[in-house]
Amino acid sequence: MTSPAPAPRPQVMTWAPSQTGPCAACHRPCARYGAPANPLCEACKAARQAQYGA
């Protein structure tokens, strides 16, 4: 009998300090500039997608 595979560990998102800016909705620090740029933090982006769909 084999044991189930462990759940993958969540990846911590990191970015350079120069790419940090406030979330447009909640003003928490997030990646606003550079490659991972988005005006919303991950929590606000998920809430927006849940509200309006993907």
PDB file of N, CA and C in Angstrom:
ATOM      1  N   MET A   1       0.849  -1.174   0.000  1.00  0.00           N
ATOM      2  CA  MET A   1       0.000   0.000   0.000  1.00  0.00           C
ATOM      3  C   MET A   1       0.895   1.237   0.000  1.00  0.00           C
ATOM      4  N   THR A   2       0.609   2.152  -0.894  1.00  0.00           N
ATOM      5  CA  THR A   2       1.420   3.367  -0.949  1.00  0.00           C
ATOM      6  C   THR A   2       0.670   4.522  -0.300  1.00  0.00           C
ATOM      7  N   SER A   3       1.432   5.422   0.246  1.00  0.00           N
ATOM      8  CA  SER A   3       0.811   6.597   0.866  1.00  0.00           C
ATOM      9  C   SER A   3       0.530   7.644  -0.215  1.00  0.00           C
ATOM     10  N   PRO A   4      -0.472   8.481  -0.014  1.00  0.00           N
ATOM     11  CA  PRO A   4      -0.792   9.498  -1.016  1.00  0.00           C
ATOM     12  C   PRO A   4       0.335  10.528  -1.117  1.00  0.00           C
ATOM     13  N   ALA A   5       0.462  11.103  -2.295  1.00  0.00           N
ATOM     14  CA  ALA A   5       1.500  12.120  -2.497  1.00  0.00           C
ATOM     15  C   ALA A   5       1.178  13.347  -1.649  1.00  0.00           C
ATOM     16  N   PRO A   6       2.182  13.956  -1.074  1.00  0.00           N
ATOM     17  CA  PRO A   6       1.926  15.141  -0.252  1.00  0.00           C
ATOM     18  C   PRO A   6       1.428  16.293  -1.133  1.00  0.00           C
ATOM     19  N   ALA A   7       0.622  17.138  -0.535  1.00  0.00           N
ATOM     20  CA  ALA A   7       0.104  18.304  -1.266  1.00  0.00           C
ATOM     21  C   ALA A   7       1.261  19.251  -1.586  1.00  0.00           C
ATOM     22  N   PRO A   8       1.226  19.886  -2.743  1.00  0.00           N
ATOM     23  CA  PRO A   8       2.306  20.818  -3.057  1.00  0.00           C
ATOM     24  C   PRO A   8       2.294  22.009  -2.116  1.00  0.00           C
ATOM     25  N   ARG A   9       3.471  22.460  -1.783  1.00  0.00           N
ATOM     26  CA  ARG A   9       3.599  23.602  -0.889  1.00  0.00           C
ATOM     27  C   ARG A   9       3.324  24.880  -1.667  1.00  0.00           C
ATOM     28  N   PRO A  10       2.629  25.830  -1.063  1.00  0.00           N
ATOM     29  CA  PRO A  10       2.370  27.086  -1.778  1.00  0.00           C
ATOM     30  C   PRO A  10       3.675  27.839  -2.024  1.00  0.00           C
ATOM     31  N   GLN A  11       3.777  28.435  -3.182  1.00  0.00           N
ATOM     32  CA  GLN A  11       4.970  29.185  -3.533  1.00  0.00           C
ATOM     33  C   GLN A  11       4.820  30.627  -3.057  1.00  0.00           C
ATOM     34  N   VAL A  12       5.852  31.129  -2.442  1.00  0.00           N
ATOM     35  CA  VAL A  12       5.855  32.510  -1.991  1.00  0.00           C
ATOM     36  C   VAL A  12       6.234  33.383  -3.177  1.00  0.00           C
ATOM     37  N   MET A  13       5.416  34.360  -3.449  1.00  0.00           N
ATOM     38  CA  MET A  13       5.716  35.259  -4.557  1.00  0.00           C
ATOM     39  C   MET A  13       6.651  36.354  -4.064  1.00  0.00           C
ATOM     40  N   THR A  14       7.738  36.517  -4.759  1.00  0.00           N
ATOM     41  CA  THR A  14       8.677  37.566  -4.398  1.00  0.00           C
ATOM     42  C   THR A  14       8.965  38.417  -5.616  1.00  0.00           C
ATOM     43  N   TRP A  15       9.341  39.636  -5.392  1.00  0.00           N
ATOM     44  CA  TRP A  15       9.716  40.550  -6.451  1.00  0.00           C
ATOM     45  C   TRP A  15      10.675  41.570  -5.874  1.00  0.00           C
ATOM     46  N   ALA A  16      11.336  42.296  -6.741  1.00  0.00           N
ATOM     47  CA  ALA A  16      12.315  43.283  -6.314  1.00  0.00           C
ATOM     48  C   ALA A  16      11.611  44.435  -5.595  1.00  0.00           C
ATOM     49  N   PRO A  17      12.244  45.006  -4.579  1.00  0.00           N
ATOM     50  CA  PRO A  17      11.636  46.144  -3.881  1.00  0.00           C
ATOM     51  C   PRO A  17      11.280  47.306  -4.819  1.00  0.00           C
ATOM     52  N   SER A  18      12.035  47.461  -5.888  1.00  0.00           N
ATOM     53  CA  SER A  18      11.743  48.557  -6.814  1.00  0.00           C
ATOM     54  C   SER A  18      10.461  48.312  -7.606  1.00  0.00           C
ATOM     55  N   GLN A  19       9.923  47.094  -7.582  1.00  0.00           N
ATOM     56  CA  GLN A  19       8.693  46.759  -8.293  1.00  0.00           C
ATOM     57  C   GLN A  19       7.473  46.807  -7.385  1.00  0.00           C
ATOM     58  N   THR A  20       7.656  47.203  -6.121  1.00  0.00           N
ATOM     59  CA  THR A  20       6.575  47.216  -5.154  1.00  0.00           C
ATOM     60  C   THR A  20       5.811  48.527  -5.214  1.00  0.00           C
ATOM     61  N   GLY A  21       4.497  48.409  -5.127  1.00  0.00           N
ATOM     62  CA  GLY A  21       3.631  49.576  -5.055  1.00  0.00           C
ATOM     63  C   GLY A  21       2.352  49.169  -4.353  1.00  0.00           C
ATOM     64  N   PRO A  22       1.474  50.117  -4.062  1.00  0.00           N
ATOM     65  CA  PRO A  22       0.241  49.775  -3.356  1.00  0.00           C
ATOM     66  C   PRO A  22      -0.796  49.144  -4.271  1.00  0.00           C
ATOM     67  N   CYS A  23      -1.565  48.220  -3.730  1.00  0.00           N
ATOM     68  CA  CYS A  23      -2.692  47.633  -4.447  1.00  0.00           C
ATOM     69  C   CYS A  23      -3.687  48.759  -4.732  1.00  0.00           C
ATOM     70  N   ALA A  24      -4.286  48.757  -5.897  1.00  0.00           N
ATOM     71  CA  ALA A  24      -5.223  49.818  -6.272  1.00  0.00           C
ATOM     72  C   ALA A  24      -6.506  49.768  -5.448  1.00  0.00           C
ATOM     73  N   ALA A  25      -6.825  48.614  -4.853  1.00  0.00           N
ATOM     74  CA  ALA A  25      -8.061  48.490  -4.086  1.00  0.00           C
ATOM     75  C   ALA A  25      -7.842  48.610  -2.578  1.00  0.00           C
ATOM     76  N   CYS A  26      -6.897  47.839  -2.035  1.00  0.00           N
ATOM     77  CA  CYS A  26      -6.735  47.796  -0.577  1.00  0.00           C
ATOM     78  C   CYS A  26      -5.452  48.477  -0.083  1.00  0.00           C
ATOM     79  N   HIS A  27      -4.596  48.861  -0.981  1.00  0.00           N
ATOM     80  CA  HIS A  27      -3.348  49.585  -0.687  1.00  0.00           C
ATOM     81  C   HIS A  27      -2.285  48.759   0.023  1.00  0.00           C
ATOM     82  N   ARG A  28      -2.428  47.415   0.010  1.00  0.00           N
ATOM     83  CA  ARG A  28      -1.363  46.562   0.530  1.00  0.00           C
ATOM     84  C   ARG A  28      -0.220  46.543  -0.475  1.00  0.00           C
ATOM     85  N   PRO A  29       1.032  46.355  -0.032  1.00  0.00           N
ATOM     86  CA  PRO A  29       2.146  46.263  -0.980  1.00  0.00           C
ATOM     87  C   PRO A  29       1.994  45.057  -1.893  1.00  0.00           C
ATOM     88  N   CYS A  30       2.210  45.256  -3.177  1.00  0.00           N
ATOM     89  CA  CYS A  30       2.155  44.166  -4.142  1.00  0.00           C
ATOM     90  C   CYS A  30       3.072  44.514  -5.313  1.00  0.00           C
ATOM     91  N   ALA A  31       3.217  43.579  -6.238  1.00  0.00           N
ATOM     92  CA  ALA A  31       4.067  43.800  -7.412  1.00  0.00           C
ATOM     93  C   ALA A  31       3.309  44.661  -8.406  1.00  0.00           C
ATOM     94  N   ARG A  32       3.668  45.924  -8.492  1.00  0.00           N
ATOM     95  CA  ARG A  32       2.969  46.838  -9.394  1.00  0.00           C
ATOM     96  C   ARG A  32       3.741  47.094 -10.686  1.00  0.00           C
ATOM     97  N   TYR A  33       5.038  46.818 -10.672  1.00  0.00           N
ATOM     98  CA  TYR A  33       5.881  47.152 -11.811  1.00  0.00           C
ATOM     99  C   TYR A  33       6.721  45.949 -12.194  1.00  0.00           C
ATOM    100  N   GLY A  34       7.186  45.869 -13.417  1.00  0.00           N
ATOM    101  CA  GLY A  34       8.042  44.774 -13.859  1.00  0.00           C
ATOM    102  C   GLY A  34       7.234  43.594 -14.356  1.00  0.00           C
ATOM    103  N   ALA A  35       7.869  42.419 -14.395  1.00  0.00           N
ATOM    104  CA  ALA A  35       7.263  41.212 -14.976  1.00  0.00           C
ATOM    105  C   ALA A  35       5.986  40.753 -14.267  1.00  0.00           C
ATOM    106  N   PRO A  36       5.921  40.688 -12.925  1.00  0.00           N
ATOM    107  CA  PRO A  36       4.693  40.187 -12.306  1.00  0.00           C
ATOM    108  C   PRO A  36       3.652  41.283 -12.059  1.00  0.00           C
ATOM    109  N   ALA A  37       3.744  42.388 -12.764  1.00  0.00           N
ATOM    110  CA  ALA A  37       2.928  43.568 -12.470  1.00  0.00           C
ATOM    111  C   ALA A  37       1.429  43.313 -12.593  1.00  0.00           C
ATOM    112  N   ASN A  38       0.695  43.890 -11.652  1.00  0.00           N
ATOM    113  CA  ASN A  38      -0.753  43.864 -11.662  1.00  0.00           C
ATOM    114  C   ASN A  38      -1.211  44.979 -10.729  1.00  0.00           C
ATOM    115  N   PRO A  39      -2.238  45.742 -11.072  1.00  0.00           N
ATOM    116  CA  PRO A  39      -2.671  46.820 -10.178  1.00  0.00           C
ATOM    117  C   PRO A  39      -3.328  46.320  -8.895  1.00  0.00           C
ATOM    118  N   LEU A  40      -3.717  45.027  -8.865  1.00  0.00           N
ATOM    119  CA  LEU A  40      -4.357  44.461  -7.684  1.00  0.00           C
ATOM    120  C   LEU A  40      -3.474  43.398  -7.040  1.00  0.00           C
ATOM    121  N   CYS A  41      -3.545  43.289  -5.704  1.00  0.00           N
ATOM    122  CA  CYS A  41      -2.839  42.211  -5.016  1.00  0.00           C
ATOM    123  C   CYS A  41      -3.582  40.906  -5.309  1.00  0.00           C
ATOM    124  N   GLU A  42      -2.998  39.781  -4.939  1.00  0.00           N
ATOM    125  CA  GLU A  42      -3.598  38.474  -5.242  1.00  0.00           C
ATOM    126  C   GLU A  42      -4.987  38.324  -4.618  1.00  0.00           C
ATOM    127  N   ALA A  43      -5.171  38.796  -3.387  1.00  0.00           N
ATOM    128  CA  ALA A  43      -6.470  38.665  -2.718  1.00  0.00           C
ATOM    129  C   ALA A  43      -7.534  39.499  -3.427  1.00  0.00           C
ATOM    130  N   CYS A  44      -7.210  40.729  -3.790  1.00  0.00           N
ATOM    131  CA  CYS A  44      -8.179  41.584  -4.480  1.00  0.00           C
ATOM    132  C   CYS A  44      -8.446  41.086  -5.896  1.00  0.00           C
ATOM    133  N   LYS A  45      -7.418  40.538  -6.545  1.00  0.00           N
ATOM    134  CA  LYS A  45      -7.603  39.987  -7.889  1.00  0.00           C
ATOM    135  C   LYS A  45      -8.553  38.789  -7.846  1.00  0.00           C
ATOM    136  N   ALA A  46      -8.401  37.924  -6.838  1.00  0.00           N
ATOM    137  CA  ALA A  46      -9.291  36.768  -6.698  1.00  0.00           C
ATOM    138  C   ALA A  46     -10.716  37.217  -6.405  1.00  0.00           C
ATOM    139  N   ALA A  47     -10.880  38.228  -5.558  1.00  0.00           N
ATOM    140  CA  ALA A  47     -12.215  38.742  -5.250  1.00  0.00           C
ATOM    141  C   ALA A  47     -12.858  39.353  -6.494  1.00  0.00           C
ATOM    142  N   ARG A  48     -12.078  40.058  -7.289  1.00  0.00           N
ATOM    143  CA  ARG A  48     -12.607  40.674  -8.501  1.00  0.00           C
ATOM    144  C   ARG A  48     -13.022  39.604  -9.500  1.00  0.00           C
ATOM    145  N   GLN A  49     -12.209  38.542  -9.638  1.00  0.00           N
ATOM    146  CA  GLN A  49     -12.550  37.457 -10.559  1.00  0.00           C
ATOM    147  C   GLN A  49     -13.796  36.712 -10.084  1.00  0.00           C
ATOM    148  N   ALA A  50     -13.963  36.551  -8.780  1.00  0.00           N
ATOM    149  CA  ALA A  50     -15.150  35.886  -8.252  1.00  0.00           C
ATOM    150  C   ALA A  50     -16.396  36.738  -8.501  1.00  0.00           C
ATOM    151  N   GLN A  51     -16.226  38.054  -8.424  1.00  0.00           N
ATOM    152  CA  GLN A  51     -17.362  38.947  -8.616  1.00  0.00           C
ATOM    153  C   GLN A  51     -17.778  39.041 -10.084  1.00  0.00           C
ATOM    154  N   TYR A  52     -16.792  39.191 -10.975  1.00  0.00           N
ATOM    155  CA  TYR A  52     -17.091  39.419 -12.390  1.00  0.00           C
ATOM    156  C   TYR A  52     -16.784  38.236 -13.296  1.00  0.00           C
ATOM    157  N   GLY A  53     -16.215  37.180 -12.734  1.00  0.00           N
ATOM    158  CA  GLY A  53     -15.839  36.030 -13.547  1.00  0.00           C
ATOM    159  C   GLY A  53     -14.450  36.216 -14.138  1.00  0.00           C
ATOM    160  N   ALA A  54     -13.897  35.158 -14.650  1.00  0.00           N
ATOM    161  CA  ALA A  54     -12.530  35.206 -15.188  1.00  0.00           C
ATOM    162  C   ALA A  54     -12.578  35.736 -16.541  1.00  0.00           C
TER     163      ALA A  54
END
